Amino acid sequence: DGIGMDQSTLIDAMTIGKKPSDNNRAFDDHGRFGFGLKTASISQVRRLSVKSQSKGKDSCIAVWDLDEVEKYGWKLYLSPLDEDSKQRLGTFKNKTGTIVLWENPDRLVQKGSDQSKIVFEKLGNDLDHLLGCRYHRFIESGKLKIHFNGNEIDFFNPFKLPTTDLKSLGTSSYGNVKVNAYLLPHESKFKNKAKDLQFAEGFKGMFDHQGIYLYRNDRLIIMGDWLNSGVRKTEASKLLRIKIDIDNTNDEEWRIDVRKCNAIIPNSLLPD
């Protein structure tokens, strides 16, 4: 239900590494390398089809299919490859938007395995929690709704408990980098122990949720990791969570990788 793309924009979006990573980008742009949509998709499925429609334009389609690539090379198709794909792509409820369709999965589960359905359902449950955490700011603000199997995904804010406040340990700024440190209360201090404890433990457990949470343009890219700070996860530090906000101008300094899920704290911010 976004603003959609016209055909030339969609072709650019489906072109691997279309723009150099050092190009100037809008302040709120989440992209950087021009690989995400394509590599994230074809690492899991054989066919990626994208249908999009922008205001005042006809809908357009672009398709990458690895089976076709093996036969004919890297040819981007601008129409559905078969009737099943056409039906699955469907139509837009609104006048604008984008539909991303994955077909022919070959990595999510092992083919022919009796456990494939169980494994797939577990992956879905993990995905529910992961998306609720990575995009919690967007979900909380009402800018984004994510549904999985017909159910709307709820947010998981690691710095917010349902009935008990976290203790602020202070705020610091280093240029456009913002750092906030918080301490979770001991579980004996929870106003509603069952509700707050369940939320505090999240989907990794209290111990593994300790550490640094790095946000890039409000998207959480690192969750519960001490990175290269020299700190290690221990029982003594399991209640400590540090929130760091950066934007896309910090990518090189923080060595944000192509997947945008790894980073290194700049030496200038580390203690001597």
C-alpha atoms as a PDB file:
ATOM      1  CA  ASP A   1       0.000   0.000   0.000  1.00  0.00           C
ATOM      2  CA  GLY A   2       2.962   2.335  -0.573  1.00  0.00           C
ATOM      3  CA  ILE A   3       3.435   4.878  -3.346  1.00  0.00           C
ATOM      4  CA  GLY A   4       4.466   2.205  -5.839  1.00  0.00           C
ATOM      5  CA  MET A   5       6.843   2.425  -8.798  1.00  0.00           C
ATOM      6  CA  ASP A   6       6.530   3.069 -12.512  1.00  0.00           C
ATOM      7  CA  GLN A   7       8.207   0.647 -14.916  1.00  0.00           C
ATOM      8  CA  SER A   8      11.583   2.423 -15.179  1.00  0.00           C
ATOM      9  CA  THR A   9      11.828   2.721 -11.393  1.00  0.00           C
ATOM     10  CA  LEU A  10      10.889  -0.931 -10.964  1.00  0.00           C
ATOM     11  CA  ILE A  11      13.555  -2.006 -13.466  1.00  0.00           C
ATOM     12  CA  ASP A  12      16.106   0.031 -11.503  1.00  0.00           C
ATOM     13  CA  ALA A  13      14.910  -1.605  -8.266  1.00  0.00           C
ATOM     14  CA  MET A  14      15.355  -5.058  -9.821  1.00  0.00           C
ATOM     15  CA  THR A  15      18.825  -4.269 -11.199  1.00  0.00           C
ATOM     16  CA  ILE A  16      21.573  -5.634  -8.955  1.00  0.00           C
ATOM     17  CA  GLY A  17      23.809  -2.808  -7.704  1.00  0.00           C
ATOM     18  CA  LYS A  18      22.127  -0.189  -9.891  1.00  0.00           C
ATOM     19  CA  LYS A  19      23.554   2.771  -7.972  1.00  0.00           C
ATOM     20  CA  PRO A  20      27.050   3.008  -6.446  1.00  0.00           C
ATOM     21  CA  SER A  21      26.973   2.656  -2.660  1.00  0.00           C
ATOM     22  CA  ASP A  22      28.645   6.053  -2.262  1.00  0.00           C
ATOM     23  CA  ASN A  23      25.872   7.907  -4.100  1.00  0.00           C
ATOM     24  CA  ASN A  24      24.141  10.639  -2.131  1.00  0.00           C
ATOM     25  CA  ARG A  25      20.893   9.341  -0.708  1.00  0.00           C
ATOM     26  CA  ALA A  26      17.877  10.947   0.872  1.00  0.00           C
ATOM     27  CA  PHE A  27      18.201  11.300   4.640  1.00  0.00           C
ATOM     28  CA  ASP A  28      15.440   8.737   5.268  1.00  0.00           C
ATOM     29  CA  ASP A  29      16.558   6.268   2.575  1.00  0.00           C
ATOM     30  CA  HIS A  30      16.985   2.735   3.932  1.00  0.00           C
ATOM     31  CA  GLY A  31      18.814   1.466   0.851  1.00  0.00           C
ATOM     32  CA  ARG A  32      22.549   1.581   0.285  1.00  0.00           C
ATOM     33  CA  PHE A  33      24.027  -1.155  -1.874  1.00  0.00           C
ATOM     34  CA  GLY A  34      21.249  -2.048  -4.333  1.00  0.00           C
ATOM     35  CA  PHE A  35      21.372  -5.750  -3.439  1.00  0.00           C
ATOM     36  CA  GLY A  36      18.774  -6.262  -0.703  1.00  0.00           C
ATOM     37  CA  LEU A  37      15.541  -7.107  -2.501  1.00  0.00           C
ATOM     38  CA  LYS A  38      17.231  -9.317  -5.076  1.00  0.00           C
ATOM     39  CA  THR A  39      19.775 -11.229  -3.003  1.00  0.00           C
ATOM     40  CA  ALA A  40      17.466 -11.678  -0.005  1.00  0.00           C
ATOM     41  CA  SER A  41      14.896 -13.197  -2.360  1.00  0.00           C
ATOM     42  CA  ILE A  42      16.994 -15.429  -4.594  1.00  0.00           C
ATOM     43  CA  SER A  43      18.888 -16.734  -1.574  1.00  0.00           C
ATOM     44  CA  GLN A  44      15.601 -18.408  -0.587  1.00  0.00           C
ATOM     45  CA  VAL A  45      13.585 -18.980  -3.773  1.00  0.00           C
ATOM     46  CA  ARG A  46      14.116 -19.687  -7.460  1.00  0.00           C
ATOM     47  CA  ARG A  47      11.714 -17.018  -8.716  1.00  0.00           C
ATOM     48  CA  LEU A  48      11.159 -13.411  -7.637  1.00  0.00           C
ATOM     49  CA  SER A  49       8.261 -11.488  -9.180  1.00  0.00           C
ATOM     50  CA  VAL A  50       7.471  -7.873  -8.299  1.00  0.00           C
ATOM     51  CA  LYS A  51       4.330  -6.031  -9.346  1.00  0.00           C
ATOM     52  CA  SER A  52       3.972  -2.320  -8.694  1.00  0.00           C
ATOM     53  CA  GLN A  53       1.709   0.592  -9.508  1.00  0.00           C
ATOM     54  CA  SER A  54       2.332   4.286  -8.931  1.00  0.00           C
ATOM     55  CA  LYS A  55      -0.182   7.122  -9.010  1.00  0.00           C
ATOM     56  CA  GLY A  56      -1.612   7.746 -12.471  1.00  0.00           C
ATOM     57  CA  LYS A  57       0.363   4.864 -14.018  1.00  0.00           C
ATOM     58  CA  ASP A  58      -0.506   1.356 -15.165  1.00  0.00           C
ATOM     59  CA  SER A  59       0.778  -1.537 -13.086  1.00  0.00           C
ATOM     60  CA  CYS A  60       4.103  -3.070 -14.136  1.00  0.00           C
ATOM     61  CA  ILE A  61       5.879  -6.345 -13.455  1.00  0.00           C
ATOM     62  CA  ALA A  62       9.495  -7.521 -13.329  1.00  0.00           C
ATOM     63  CA  VAL A  63      10.685 -11.098 -12.775  1.00  0.00           C
ATOM     64  CA  TRP A  64      13.958 -12.844 -11.998  1.00  0.00           C
ATOM     65  CA  ASP A  65      13.869 -16.640 -12.370  1.00  0.00           C
ATOM     66  CA  LEU A  66      17.012 -18.666 -11.652  1.00  0.00           C
ATOM     67  CA  ASP A  67      15.854 -21.554 -13.828  1.00  0.00           C
ATOM     68  CA  GLU A  68      15.526 -19.139 -16.746  1.00  0.00           C
ATOM     69  CA  VAL A  69      18.913 -17.629 -15.891  1.00  0.00           C
ATOM     70  CA  GLU A  70      20.527 -21.062 -16.206  1.00  0.00           C
ATOM     71  CA  LYS A  71      19.062 -21.419 -19.696  1.00  0.00           C
ATOM     72  CA  TYR A  72      19.242 -17.908 -21.139  1.00  0.00           C
ATOM     73  CA  GLY A  73      21.451 -15.805 -18.862  1.00  0.00           C
ATOM     74  CA  TRP A  74      20.485 -12.780 -16.783  1.00  0.00           C
ATOM     75  CA  LYS A  75      17.334 -11.656 -18.560  1.00  0.00           C
ATOM     76  CA  LEU A  76      14.802  -9.590 -16.607  1.00  0.00           C
ATOM     77  CA  TYR A  77      11.253 -10.490 -17.669  1.00  0.00           C
ATOM     78  CA  LEU A  78       8.589  -7.772 -17.678  1.00  0.00           C
ATOM     79  CA  SER A  79       5.528 -10.019 -17.465  1.00  0.00           C
ATOM     80  CA  PRO A  80       4.494 -13.049 -15.377  1.00  0.00           C
ATOM     81  CA  LEU A  81       6.177 -16.266 -16.492  1.00  0.00           C
ATOM     82  CA  ASP A  82       3.035 -18.387 -16.159  1.00  0.00           C
ATOM     83  CA  GLU A  83      -0.633 -18.197 -15.253  1.00  0.00           C
ATOM     84  CA  ASP A  84      -0.019 -19.319 -11.653  1.00  0.00           C
ATOM     85  CA  SER A  85       2.325 -16.378 -11.068  1.00  0.00           C
ATOM     86  CA  LYS A  86      -0.165 -14.012 -12.661  1.00  0.00           C
ATOM     87  CA  GLN A  87      -2.933 -15.192 -10.335  1.00  0.00           C
ATOM     88  CA  ARG A  88      -0.712 -15.087  -7.249  1.00  0.00           C
ATOM     89  CA  LEU A  89       0.411 -11.531  -7.990  1.00  0.00           C
ATOM     90  CA  GLY A  90      -3.251 -10.517  -7.889  1.00  0.00           C
ATOM     91  CA  THR A  91      -4.455  -6.930  -7.951  1.00  0.00           C
ATOM     92  CA  PHE A  92      -4.068  -3.866  -5.756  1.00  0.00           C
ATOM     93  CA  LYS A  93      -6.689  -3.027  -3.163  1.00  0.00           C
ATOM     94  CA  ASN A  94      -5.587   0.594  -3.394  1.00  0.00           C
ATOM     95  CA  LYS A  95      -4.572   2.557  -6.485  1.00  0.00           C
ATOM     96  CA  THR A  96      -0.876   2.344  -5.627  1.00  0.00           C
ATOM     97  CA  GLY A  97       1.439  -0.186  -4.009  1.00  0.00           C
ATOM     98  CA  THR A  98       3.902  -3.005  -4.540  1.00  0.00           C
ATOM     99  CA  ILE A  99       3.536  -6.786  -4.354  1.00  0.00           C
ATOM    100  CA  VAL A 100       6.591  -9.022  -3.908  1.00  0.00           C
ATOM    101  CA  LEU A 101       5.996 -12.681  -4.758  1.00  0.00           C
ATOM    102  CA  TRP A 102       8.361 -15.531  -3.840  1.00  0.00           C
ATOM    103  CA  GLU A 103       7.898 -18.830  -5.699  1.00  0.00           C
ATOM    104  CA  ASN A 104       9.739 -22.159  -5.905  1.00  0.00           C
ATOM    105  CA  PRO A 105      11.517 -22.055  -2.521  1.00  0.00           C
ATOM    106  CA  ASP A 106      14.657 -24.177  -2.421  1.00  0.00           C
ATOM    107  CA  ARG A 107      16.396 -23.087   0.800  1.00  0.00           C
ATOM    108  CA  LEU A 108      13.698 -22.555   3.430  1.00  0.00           C
ATOM    109  CA  VAL A 109      13.147 -26.261   4.036  1.00  0.00           C
ATOM    110  CA  GLN A 110      14.768 -29.464   2.859  1.00  0.00           C
ATOM    111  CA  LYS A 111      12.890 -30.972  -0.065  1.00  0.00           C
ATOM    112  CA  GLY A 112      11.113 -34.223   0.667  1.00  0.00           C
ATOM    113  CA  SER A 113      11.651 -34.022   4.412  1.00  0.00           C
ATOM    114  CA  ASP A 114       8.860 -35.321   6.657  1.00  0.00           C
ATOM    115  CA  GLN A 115       9.756 -32.513   9.059  1.00  0.00           C
ATOM    116  CA  SER A 116       9.464 -29.757   6.424  1.00  0.00           C
ATOM    117  CA  LYS A 117       6.017 -28.568   7.568  1.00  0.00           C
ATOM    118  CA  ILE A 118       7.119 -28.417  11.221  1.00  0.00           C
ATOM    119  CA  VAL A 119      10.330 -26.607  10.306  1.00  0.00           C
ATOM    120  CA  PHE A 120       8.447 -24.163   8.105  1.00  0.00           C
ATOM    121  CA  GLU A 121       5.942 -23.380  10.872  1.00  0.00           C
ATOM    122  CA  LYS A 122       8.796 -22.777  13.348  1.00  0.00           C
ATOM    123  CA  LEU A 123      10.466 -20.437  10.865  1.00  0.00           C
ATOM    124  CA  GLY A 124       7.182 -18.555  10.601  1.00  0.00           C
ATOM    125  CA  ASN A 125       6.941 -18.178  14.378  1.00  0.00           C
ATOM    126  CA  ASP A 126      10.535 -16.914  14.564  1.00  0.00           C
ATOM    127  CA  LEU A 127       9.841 -14.516  11.690  1.00  0.00           C
ATOM    128  CA  ASP A 128       6.833 -13.102  13.544  1.00  0.00           C
ATOM    129  CA  HIS A 129       9.029 -12.172  16.535  1.00  0.00           C
ATOM    130  CA  LEU A 130      11.923 -10.951  14.415  1.00  0.00           C
ATOM    131  CA  LEU A 131       9.832  -8.583  12.294  1.00  0.00           C
ATOM    132  CA  GLY A 132       8.011  -7.292  15.372  1.00  0.00           C
ATOM    133  CA  CYS A 133      11.377  -6.321  16.829  1.00  0.00           C
ATOM    134  CA  ARG A 134      13.270  -5.040  13.771  1.00  0.00           C
ATOM    135  CA  TYR A 135      10.418  -2.777  12.667  1.00  0.00           C
ATOM    136  CA  HIS A 136       8.900  -1.987  16.071  1.00  0.00           C
ATOM    137  CA  ARG A 137       9.263   1.793  15.697  1.00  0.00           C
ATOM    138  CA  PHE A 138       7.352   1.779  12.423  1.00  0.00           C
ATOM    139  CA  ILE A 139       4.648  -0.511  13.820  1.00  0.00           C
ATOM    140  CA  GLU A 140       4.286   1.536  17.016  1.00  0.00           C
ATOM    141  CA  SER A 141       4.007   4.797  15.072  1.00  0.00           C
ATOM    142  CA  GLY A 142       1.291   3.402  12.814  1.00  0.00           C
ATOM    143  CA  LYS A 143       3.426   3.853   9.671  1.00  0.00           C
ATOM    144  CA  LEU A 144       3.572   0.121   8.996  1.00  0.00           C
ATOM    145  CA  LYS A 145       1.404  -2.943   9.451  1.00  0.00           C
ATOM    146  CA  ILE A 146       2.814  -6.425   8.915  1.00  0.00           C
ATOM    147  CA  HIS A 147       0.574  -9.469   8.653  1.00  0.00           C
ATOM    148  CA  PHE A 148       1.661 -13.092   8.790  1.00  0.00           C
ATOM    149  CA  ASN A 149      -0.800 -15.874   7.945  1.00  0.00           C
ATOM    150  CA  GLY A 150      -3.613 -13.364   8.227  1.00  0.00           C
ATOM    151  CA  ASN A 151      -2.616 -12.165  11.694  1.00  0.00           C
ATOM    152  CA  GLU A 152      -1.226  -8.696  12.364  1.00  0.00           C
ATOM    153  CA  ILE A 153       2.258  -8.784  13.904  1.00  0.00           C
ATOM    154  CA  ASP A 154       2.599  -6.925  17.204  1.00  0.00           C
ATOM    155  CA  PHE A 155       5.662  -4.854  18.012  1.00  0.00           C
ATOM    156  CA  PHE A 156       8.381  -5.810  20.468  1.00  0.00           C
ATOM    157  CA  ASN A 157      10.099  -2.719  21.870  1.00  0.00           C
ATOM    158  CA  PRO A 158      13.133  -3.870  23.892  1.00  0.00           C
ATOM    159  CA  PHE A 159      13.100  -0.577  25.817  1.00  0.00           C
ATOM    160  CA  LYS A 160       9.487  -0.660  26.869  1.00  0.00           C
ATOM    161  CA  LEU A 161       7.680  -2.897  29.347  1.00  0.00           C
ATOM    162  CA  PRO A 162       3.871  -3.028  29.541  1.00  0.00           C
ATOM    163  CA  THR A 163       3.518  -1.842  33.163  1.00  0.00           C
ATOM    164  CA  THR A 164       7.015  -0.987  34.462  1.00  0.00           C
ATOM    165  CA  ASP A 165       9.477   1.708  33.389  1.00  0.00           C
ATOM    166  CA  LEU A 166      13.130   1.080  32.608  1.00  0.00           C
ATOM    167  CA  LYS A 167      15.703   3.157  34.477  1.00  0.00           C
ATOM    168  CA  SER A 168      17.542   5.649  32.271  1.00  0.00           C
ATOM    169  CA  LEU A 169      21.315   5.694  32.828  1.00  0.00           C
ATOM    170  CA  GLY A 170      21.867   8.774  30.703  1.00  0.00           C
ATOM    171  CA  THR A 171      22.025  10.103  27.152  1.00  0.00           C
ATOM    172  CA  SER A 172      25.029  11.038  25.017  1.00  0.00           C
ATOM    173  CA  SER A 173      25.508  12.486  21.538  1.00  0.00           C
ATOM    174  CA  TYR A 174      28.472  12.163  19.190  1.00  0.00           C
ATOM    175  CA  GLY A 175      27.635  14.292  16.163  1.00  0.00           C
ATOM    176  CA  ASN A 176      24.503  12.695  14.746  1.00  0.00           C
ATOM    177  CA  VAL A 177      24.983   9.494  16.777  1.00  0.00           C
ATOM    178  CA  LYS A 178      22.627   9.289  19.767  1.00  0.00           C
ATOM    179  CA  VAL A 179      23.266   6.905  22.665  1.00  0.00           C
ATOM    180  CA  ASN A 180      20.805   6.055  25.452  1.00  0.00           C
ATOM    181  CA  ALA A 181      21.486   3.502  28.186  1.00  0.00           C
ATOM    182  CA  TYR A 182      18.805   1.748  30.224  1.00  0.00           C
ATOM    183  CA  LEU A 183      18.643  -0.738  33.058  1.00  0.00           C
ATOM    184  CA  LEU A 184      15.764  -3.167  33.356  1.00  0.00           C
ATOM    185  CA  PRO A 185      14.443  -3.492  36.897  1.00  0.00           C
ATOM    186  CA  HIS A 186      14.906  -6.742  38.753  1.00  0.00           C
ATOM    187  CA  GLU A 187      11.902  -8.967  38.150  1.00  0.00           C
ATOM    188  CA  SER A 188      10.869  -8.475  41.783  1.00  0.00           C
ATOM    189  CA  LYS A 189      10.231  -4.807  40.888  1.00  0.00           C
ATOM    190  CA  PHE A 190       7.860  -5.540  38.019  1.00  0.00           C
ATOM    191  CA  LYS A 191       4.381  -4.153  38.641  1.00  0.00           C
ATOM    192  CA  ASN A 192       2.828  -7.042  36.738  1.00  0.00           C
ATOM    193  CA  LYS A 193       5.437  -9.777  36.997  1.00  0.00           C
ATOM    194  CA  ALA A 194       3.959 -12.241  34.519  1.00  0.00           C
ATOM    195  CA  LYS A 195       3.221  -9.651  31.832  1.00  0.00           C
ATOM    196  CA  ASP A 196       6.430  -7.629  32.209  1.00  0.00           C
ATOM    197  CA  LEU A 197       8.699 -10.672  32.506  1.00  0.00           C
ATOM    198  CA  GLN A 198       7.293 -12.235  29.357  1.00  0.00           C
ATOM    199  CA  PHE A 199       7.884  -9.003  27.451  1.00  0.00           C
ATOM    200  CA  ALA A 200      11.356  -8.413  28.918  1.00  0.00           C
ATOM    201  CA  GLU A 201      12.486 -11.898  27.954  1.00  0.00           C
ATOM    202  CA  GLY A 202      11.345 -11.320  24.360  1.00  0.00           C
ATOM    203  CA  PHE A 203      12.080 -14.162  21.987  1.00  0.00           C
ATOM    204  CA  LYS A 204      15.746 -14.719  22.926  1.00  0.00           C
ATOM    205  CA  GLY A 205      15.563 -14.607  26.720  1.00  0.00           C
ATOM    206  CA  MET A 206      16.704 -11.917  29.156  1.00  0.00           C
ATOM    207  CA  PHE A 207      20.383 -12.966  28.970  1.00  0.00           C
ATOM    208  CA  ASP A 208      20.628 -12.837  25.175  1.00  0.00           C
ATOM    209  CA  HIS A 209      18.666  -9.579  24.877  1.00  0.00           C
ATOM    210  CA  GLN A 210      21.335  -7.643  26.823  1.00  0.00           C
ATOM    211  CA  GLY A 211      23.683  -5.304  25.020  1.00  0.00           C
ATOM    212  CA  ILE A 212      23.595  -2.802  22.177  1.00  0.00           C
ATOM    213  CA  TYR A 213      20.597  -2.123  19.966  1.00  0.00           C
ATOM    214  CA  LEU A 214      21.683  -0.251  16.850  1.00  0.00           C
ATOM    215  CA  TYR A 215      19.025   1.621  14.880  1.00  0.00           C
ATOM    216  CA  ARG A 216      19.662   2.897  11.364  1.00  0.00           C
ATOM    217  CA  ASN A 217      16.956   5.335  10.266  1.00  0.00           C
ATOM    218  CA  ASP A 218      14.631   3.822  12.901  1.00  0.00           C
ATOM    219  CA  ARG A 219      15.114   0.265  11.633  1.00  0.00           C
ATOM    220  CA  LEU A 220      16.696  -2.018  14.232  1.00  0.00           C
ATOM    221  CA  ILE A 221      19.691  -3.727  12.602  1.00  0.00           C
ATOM    222  CA  ILE A 222      21.562  -5.026  15.661  1.00  0.00           C
ATOM    223  CA  MET A 223      19.662  -6.448  18.619  1.00  0.00           C
ATOM    224  CA  GLY A 224      21.311  -7.508  21.846  1.00  0.00           C
ATOM    225  CA  ASP A 225      25.019  -7.640  20.980  1.00  0.00           C
ATOM    226  CA  TRP A 226      28.064  -5.999  22.511  1.00  0.00           C
ATOM    227  CA  LEU A 227      29.739  -5.760  19.069  1.00  0.00           C
ATOM    228  CA  ASN A 228      33.426  -4.844  19.352  1.00  0.00           C
ATOM    229  CA  SER A 229      33.032  -2.895  22.611  1.00  0.00           C
ATOM    230  CA  GLY A 230      35.086  -5.393  24.601  1.00  0.00           C
ATOM    231  CA  VAL A 231      32.110  -6.220  26.847  1.00  0.00           C
ATOM    232  CA  ARG A 232      30.935  -9.835  27.067  1.00  0.00           C
ATOM    233  CA  LYS A 233      27.501 -11.184  27.880  1.00  0.00           C
ATOM    234  CA  THR A 234      27.320 -12.113  31.552  1.00  0.00           C
ATOM    235  CA  GLU A 235      24.668 -12.589  34.208  1.00  0.00           C
ATOM    236  CA  ALA A 236      25.877  -9.369  35.829  1.00  0.00           C
ATOM    237  CA  SER A 237      25.076  -7.311  32.709  1.00  0.00           C
ATOM    238  CA  LYS A 238      21.918  -9.067  31.543  1.00  0.00           C
ATOM    239  CA  LEU A 239      19.643  -6.168  32.603  1.00  0.00           C
ATOM    240  CA  LEU A 240      21.636  -3.567  30.643  1.00  0.00           C
ATOM    241  CA  ARG A 241      20.426  -2.391  27.213  1.00  0.00           C
ATOM    242  CA  ILE A 242      21.974   0.415  25.189  1.00  0.00           C
ATOM    243  CA  LYS A 243      20.147   2.137  22.353  1.00  0.00           C
ATOM    244  CA  ILE A 244      22.239   3.737  19.571  1.00  0.00           C
ATOM    245  CA  ASP A 245      20.738   5.713  16.695  1.00  0.00           C
ATOM    246  CA  ILE A 246      22.598   6.391  13.447  1.00  0.00           C
ATOM    247  CA  ASP A 247      21.488   7.364   9.935  1.00  0.00           C
ATOM    248  CA  ASN A 248      22.639   6.390   6.464  1.00  0.00           C
ATOM    249  CA  THR A 249      25.483   8.934   6.523  1.00  0.00           C
ATOM    250  CA  ASN A 250      27.191   6.771   9.168  1.00  0.00           C
ATOM    251  CA  ASP A 251      27.295   3.580   7.068  1.00  0.00           C
ATOM    252  CA  GLU A 252      30.970   3.697   6.139  1.00  0.00           C
ATOM    253  CA  GLU A 253      32.157   4.746   9.589  1.00  0.00           C
ATOM    254  CA  TRP A 254      30.163   1.979  11.277  1.00  0.00           C
ATOM    255  CA  ARG A 255      31.028  -0.505   8.488  1.00  0.00           C
ATOM    256  CA  ILE A 256      27.432  -1.468   7.826  1.00  0.00           C
ATOM    257  CA  ASP A 257      27.520  -4.603   5.681  1.00  0.00           C
ATOM    258  CA  VAL A 258      25.422  -5.482   2.631  1.00  0.00           C
ATOM    259  CA  ARG A 259      22.844  -7.356   4.709  1.00  0.00           C
ATOM    260  CA  LYS A 260      22.587  -4.402   7.147  1.00  0.00           C
ATOM    261  CA  CYS A 261      22.765  -6.737  10.119  1.00  0.00           C
ATOM    262  CA  ASN A 262      26.412  -6.306  11.134  1.00  0.00           C
ATOM    263  CA  ALA A 263      28.315  -3.241  12.294  1.00  0.00           C
ATOM    264  CA  ILE A 264      31.525  -2.207  14.042  1.00  0.00           C
ATOM    265  CA  ILE A 265      31.692   0.627  16.584  1.00  0.00           C
ATOM    266  CA  PRO A 266      34.128   3.291  15.318  1.00  0.00           C
ATOM    267  CA  ASN A 267      37.375   3.492  17.306  1.00  0.00           C
ATOM    268  CA  SER A 268      36.667   7.175  18.007  1.00  0.00           C
ATOM    269  CA  LEU A 269      33.685   6.131  20.171  1.00  0.00           C
ATOM    270  CA  LEU A 270      35.459   3.381  22.100  1.00  0.00           C
ATOM    271  CA  PRO A 271      37.230   4.073  25.421  1.00  0.00           C
ATOM    272  CA  ASP A 272      41.029   4.289  25.297  1.00  0.00           C
END
